[in-house]
Amino acid sequence: MWLLRVIEAAGYSADSYSGRGMYGRKCIAVFTDGIGDGGYRGALASIVEAAEDCAEAAAILRGIVTDEWGKNGTVIYWPDVEWLE
């Protein structure tokens, strides 16, 4: 899966997440703590920079949703990209 490759190339770990309105369906996500990694903006910038080309970068940006995670964190997720166990 290309998105997993890009996330790992950026130095992040992908995980599964079921966001609002997903009714238990799991998708690819990246959890950020909001402090040590520059927050979700820093994580997203790193992920986009790791894309192989402009088309990949555009697909990353086009599909994202964010939710608050804990006190300072944010989860970045792609609800249209299914998490395969």
N, C-alpha and C. Protein backbone atom coordinates (compact mmCIF):
# COMPACT_ATOMS: atom_id res chain seq x y z
N MET A 1 0.85 -1.18 0.00
CA MET A 1 0.00 0.00 0.00
C MET A 1 0.90 1.24 0.00
N TRP A 2 0.72 2.09 -0.95
CA TRP A 2 1.58 3.26 -1.13
C TRP A 2 1.55 4.20 0.07
N LEU A 3 0.39 4.39 0.69
CA LEU A 3 0.32 5.33 1.82
C LEU A 3 1.13 4.82 3.00
N LEU A 4 1.10 3.54 3.28
CA LEU A 4 1.92 2.98 4.36
C LEU A 4 3.40 3.20 4.09
N ARG A 5 3.81 3.00 2.84
CA ARG A 5 5.22 3.22 2.46
C ARG A 5 5.63 4.67 2.71
N VAL A 6 4.79 5.61 2.33
CA VAL A 6 5.11 7.03 2.50
C VAL A 6 5.18 7.40 3.98
N ILE A 7 4.23 6.93 4.77
CA ILE A 7 4.21 7.22 6.21
C ILE A 7 5.48 6.69 6.86
N GLU A 8 5.86 5.47 6.55
CA GLU A 8 7.08 4.89 7.13
C GLU A 8 8.33 5.61 6.65
N ALA A 9 8.36 6.02 5.39
CA ALA A 9 9.51 6.77 4.86
C ALA A 9 9.66 8.11 5.57
N ALA A 10 8.56 8.66 6.06
CA ALA A 10 8.59 9.93 6.78
C ALA A 10 9.00 9.75 8.24
N GLY A 11 9.15 8.50 8.67
CA GLY A 11 9.58 8.23 10.04
C GLY A 11 8.44 8.05 11.03
N TYR A 12 7.25 7.82 10.53
CA TYR A 12 6.08 7.62 11.40
C TYR A 12 5.59 6.19 11.28
N SER A 13 4.79 5.79 12.24
CA SER A 13 4.17 4.47 12.22
C SER A 13 2.69 4.63 11.93
N ALA A 14 2.20 3.84 11.02
CA ALA A 14 0.77 3.84 10.72
C ALA A 14 0.05 2.94 11.71
N ASP A 15 -1.17 3.28 11.99
CA ASP A 15 -2.00 2.49 12.89
C ASP A 15 -3.42 2.49 12.34
N SER A 16 -4.27 1.70 12.96
CA SER A 16 -5.67 1.69 12.54
C SER A 16 -6.46 2.67 13.40
N TYR A 17 -7.53 3.19 12.83
CA TYR A 17 -8.39 4.14 13.53
C TYR A 17 -9.78 4.09 12.93
N SER A 18 -10.77 4.23 13.78
CA SER A 18 -12.15 4.32 13.34
C SER A 18 -12.68 5.67 13.79
N GLY A 19 -12.74 6.60 12.87
CA GLY A 19 -13.13 7.97 13.19
C GLY A 19 -14.64 8.15 13.29
N ARG A 20 -15.01 9.39 13.54
CA ARG A 20 -16.42 9.73 13.66
C ARG A 20 -17.17 9.37 12.38
N GLY A 21 -18.31 8.74 12.56
CA GLY A 21 -19.15 8.39 11.44
C GLY A 21 -18.66 7.21 10.61
N MET A 22 -17.63 6.51 11.09
CA MET A 22 -17.10 5.38 10.33
C MET A 22 -17.74 4.05 10.75
N TYR A 23 -18.51 4.06 11.83
CA TYR A 23 -19.28 2.90 12.28
C TYR A 23 -18.43 1.64 12.41
N GLY A 24 -17.24 1.80 13.01
CA GLY A 24 -16.38 0.66 13.28
C GLY A 24 -15.43 0.28 12.15
N ARG A 25 -15.63 0.85 10.97
CA ARG A 25 -14.72 0.58 9.85
C ARG A 25 -13.38 1.22 10.18
N LYS A 26 -12.28 0.50 9.93
CA LYS A 26 -10.94 0.99 10.28
C LYS A 26 -10.21 1.51 9.04
N CYS A 27 -9.45 2.57 9.27
CA CYS A 27 -8.66 3.16 8.18
C CYS A 27 -7.23 3.40 8.67
N ILE A 28 -6.37 3.86 7.77
CA ILE A 28 -4.98 4.17 8.11
C ILE A 28 -4.92 5.51 8.84
N ALA A 29 -4.10 5.55 9.90
CA ALA A 29 -3.98 6.76 10.71
C ALA A 29 -2.56 6.93 11.24
N VAL A 30 -2.24 8.16 11.61
CA VAL A 30 -0.99 8.49 12.28
C VAL A 30 -1.36 9.30 13.52
N PHE A 31 -0.88 8.87 14.68
CA PHE A 31 -1.15 9.56 15.93
C PHE A 31 0.04 10.46 16.26
N THR A 32 -0.24 11.71 16.62
CA THR A 32 0.83 12.65 17.00
C THR A 32 0.57 13.13 18.41
N ASP A 33 1.66 13.46 19.12
CA ASP A 33 1.49 13.89 20.51
C ASP A 33 1.35 15.40 20.65
N GLY A 34 1.58 16.13 19.58
CA GLY A 34 1.39 17.57 19.63
C GLY A 34 2.53 18.34 20.26
N ILE A 35 3.53 17.65 20.79
CA ILE A 35 4.62 18.34 21.46
C ILE A 35 5.95 17.98 20.81
N GLY A 36 6.36 16.73 20.92
CA GLY A 36 7.69 16.32 20.51
C GLY A 36 7.92 16.21 19.02
N ASP A 37 6.87 16.08 18.24
CA ASP A 37 7.07 15.88 16.80
C ASP A 37 6.58 17.05 15.97
N GLY A 38 6.39 18.21 16.57
CA GLY A 38 5.91 19.36 15.83
C GLY A 38 4.41 19.33 15.59
N GLY A 39 3.73 18.47 16.30
CA GLY A 39 2.29 18.39 16.15
C GLY A 39 1.88 17.77 14.83
N TYR A 40 0.60 17.82 14.58
CA TYR A 40 0.11 17.18 13.37
C TYR A 40 0.55 17.91 12.11
N ARG A 41 0.77 19.21 12.19
CA ARG A 41 1.24 19.94 11.01
C ARG A 41 2.65 19.48 10.60
N GLY A 42 3.51 19.30 11.60
CA GLY A 42 4.86 18.81 11.32
C GLY A 42 4.84 17.40 10.77
N ALA A 43 3.99 16.55 11.34
CA ALA A 43 3.87 15.17 10.86
C ALA A 43 3.36 15.15 9.43
N LEU A 44 2.33 15.94 9.17
CA LEU A 44 1.77 15.96 7.82
C LEU A 44 2.77 16.51 6.81
N ALA A 45 3.51 17.54 7.19
CA ALA A 45 4.54 18.08 6.30
C ALA A 45 5.59 17.02 5.97
N SER A 46 6.02 16.26 6.97
CA SER A 46 7.00 15.20 6.75
C SER A 46 6.46 14.11 5.84
N ILE A 47 5.20 13.76 6.02
CA ILE A 47 4.58 12.72 5.19
C ILE A 47 4.48 13.19 3.74
N VAL A 48 4.06 14.43 3.55
CA VAL A 48 3.95 14.97 2.18
C VAL A 48 5.34 15.04 1.53
N GLU A 49 6.35 15.45 2.29
CA GLU A 49 7.71 15.52 1.75
C GLU A 49 8.23 14.15 1.33
N ALA A 50 7.76 13.09 1.99
CA ALA A 50 8.21 11.74 1.67
C ALA A 50 7.52 11.16 0.43
N ALA A 51 6.51 11.84 -0.07
CA ALA A 51 5.82 11.37 -1.27
C ALA A 51 6.78 11.34 -2.45
N GLU A 52 6.57 10.39 -3.35
CA GLU A 52 7.46 10.24 -4.50
C GLU A 52 7.26 11.31 -5.56
N ASP A 53 6.04 11.83 -5.67
CA ASP A 53 5.77 12.84 -6.69
C ASP A 53 4.59 13.71 -6.27
N CYS A 54 4.28 14.68 -7.09
CA CYS A 54 3.19 15.62 -6.78
C CYS A 54 1.84 14.93 -6.70
N ALA A 55 1.62 13.93 -7.53
CA ALA A 55 0.34 13.22 -7.52
C ALA A 55 0.13 12.50 -6.19
N GLU A 56 1.19 11.88 -5.67
CA GLU A 56 1.10 11.21 -4.38
C GLU A 56 0.87 12.22 -3.27
N ALA A 57 1.59 13.33 -3.31
CA ALA A 57 1.42 14.38 -2.30
C ALA A 57 0.00 14.92 -2.32
N ALA A 58 -0.54 15.14 -3.50
CA ALA A 58 -1.91 15.64 -3.62
C ALA A 58 -2.91 14.64 -3.06
N ALA A 59 -2.70 13.36 -3.31
CA ALA A 59 -3.60 12.32 -2.80
C ALA A 59 -3.56 12.27 -1.27
N ILE A 60 -2.38 12.48 -0.70
CA ILE A 60 -2.25 12.50 0.76
C ILE A 60 -3.06 13.65 1.33
N LEU A 61 -2.91 14.82 0.77
CA LEU A 61 -3.60 16.00 1.29
C LEU A 61 -5.10 15.95 1.04
N ARG A 62 -5.49 15.43 -0.08
CA ARG A 62 -6.90 15.40 -0.46
C ARG A 62 -7.72 14.52 0.48
N GLY A 63 -7.13 13.47 1.01
CA GLY A 63 -7.90 12.51 1.76
C GLY A 63 -7.88 12.63 3.27
N ILE A 64 -7.21 13.65 3.84
CA ILE A 64 -7.02 13.65 5.29
C ILE A 64 -8.20 14.21 6.07
N VAL A 65 -8.32 13.69 7.28
CA VAL A 65 -9.23 14.20 8.30
C VAL A 65 -8.42 14.18 9.59
N THR A 66 -8.70 15.10 10.50
CA THR A 66 -8.02 15.10 11.80
C THR A 66 -9.04 15.11 12.92
N ASP A 67 -8.67 14.51 14.03
CA ASP A 67 -9.44 14.54 15.27
C ASP A 67 -8.49 14.82 16.41
N GLU A 68 -8.99 15.45 17.46
CA GLU A 68 -8.19 15.62 18.67
C GLU A 68 -7.98 14.24 19.29
N TRP A 69 -6.80 14.06 19.89
CA TRP A 69 -6.47 12.78 20.52
C TRP A 69 -5.83 13.06 21.86
N GLY A 70 -6.57 12.84 22.94
CA GLY A 70 -6.04 13.13 24.26
C GLY A 70 -5.94 14.62 24.51
N LYS A 71 -5.06 15.00 25.43
CA LYS A 71 -4.94 16.40 25.83
C LYS A 71 -4.28 17.27 24.76
N ASN A 72 -3.18 16.82 24.17
CA ASN A 72 -2.44 17.63 23.21
C ASN A 72 -2.31 17.00 21.83
N GLY A 73 -2.74 15.79 21.68
CA GLY A 73 -2.48 15.06 20.45
C GLY A 73 -3.53 15.24 19.37
N THR A 74 -3.16 14.80 18.20
CA THR A 74 -4.06 14.81 17.05
C THR A 74 -3.85 13.50 16.30
N VAL A 75 -4.93 12.96 15.78
CA VAL A 75 -4.83 11.81 14.90
C VAL A 75 -5.13 12.30 13.48
N ILE A 76 -4.22 11.97 12.57
CA ILE A 76 -4.42 12.25 11.14
C ILE A 76 -4.88 10.94 10.53
N TYR A 77 -6.00 10.96 9.82
CA TYR A 77 -6.46 9.71 9.24
C TYR A 77 -7.06 9.90 7.85
N TRP A 78 -7.08 8.80 7.13
CA TRP A 78 -7.57 8.76 5.76
C TRP A 78 -8.76 7.81 5.74
N PRO A 79 -9.98 8.31 5.93
CA PRO A 79 -11.15 7.42 6.04
C PRO A 79 -11.44 6.60 4.80
N ASP A 80 -10.96 7.02 3.66
CA ASP A 80 -11.20 6.27 2.43
C ASP A 80 -10.14 5.21 2.14
N VAL A 81 -9.14 5.11 3.02
CA VAL A 81 -8.08 4.11 2.83
C VAL A 81 -8.23 3.05 3.92
N GLU A 82 -8.77 1.92 3.55
CA GLU A 82 -9.08 0.85 4.51
C GLU A 82 -7.82 0.28 5.15
N TRP A 83 -7.90 0.05 6.46
CA TRP A 83 -6.84 -0.63 7.20
C TRP A 83 -7.03 -2.12 7.01
N LEU A 84 -6.04 -2.79 6.47
CA LEU A 84 -6.11 -4.23 6.27
C LEU A 84 -5.31 -4.92 7.35
N GLU A 85 -5.96 -5.76 8.13
CA GLU A 85 -5.31 -6.46 9.25
C GLU A 85 -4.28 -7.43 8.75
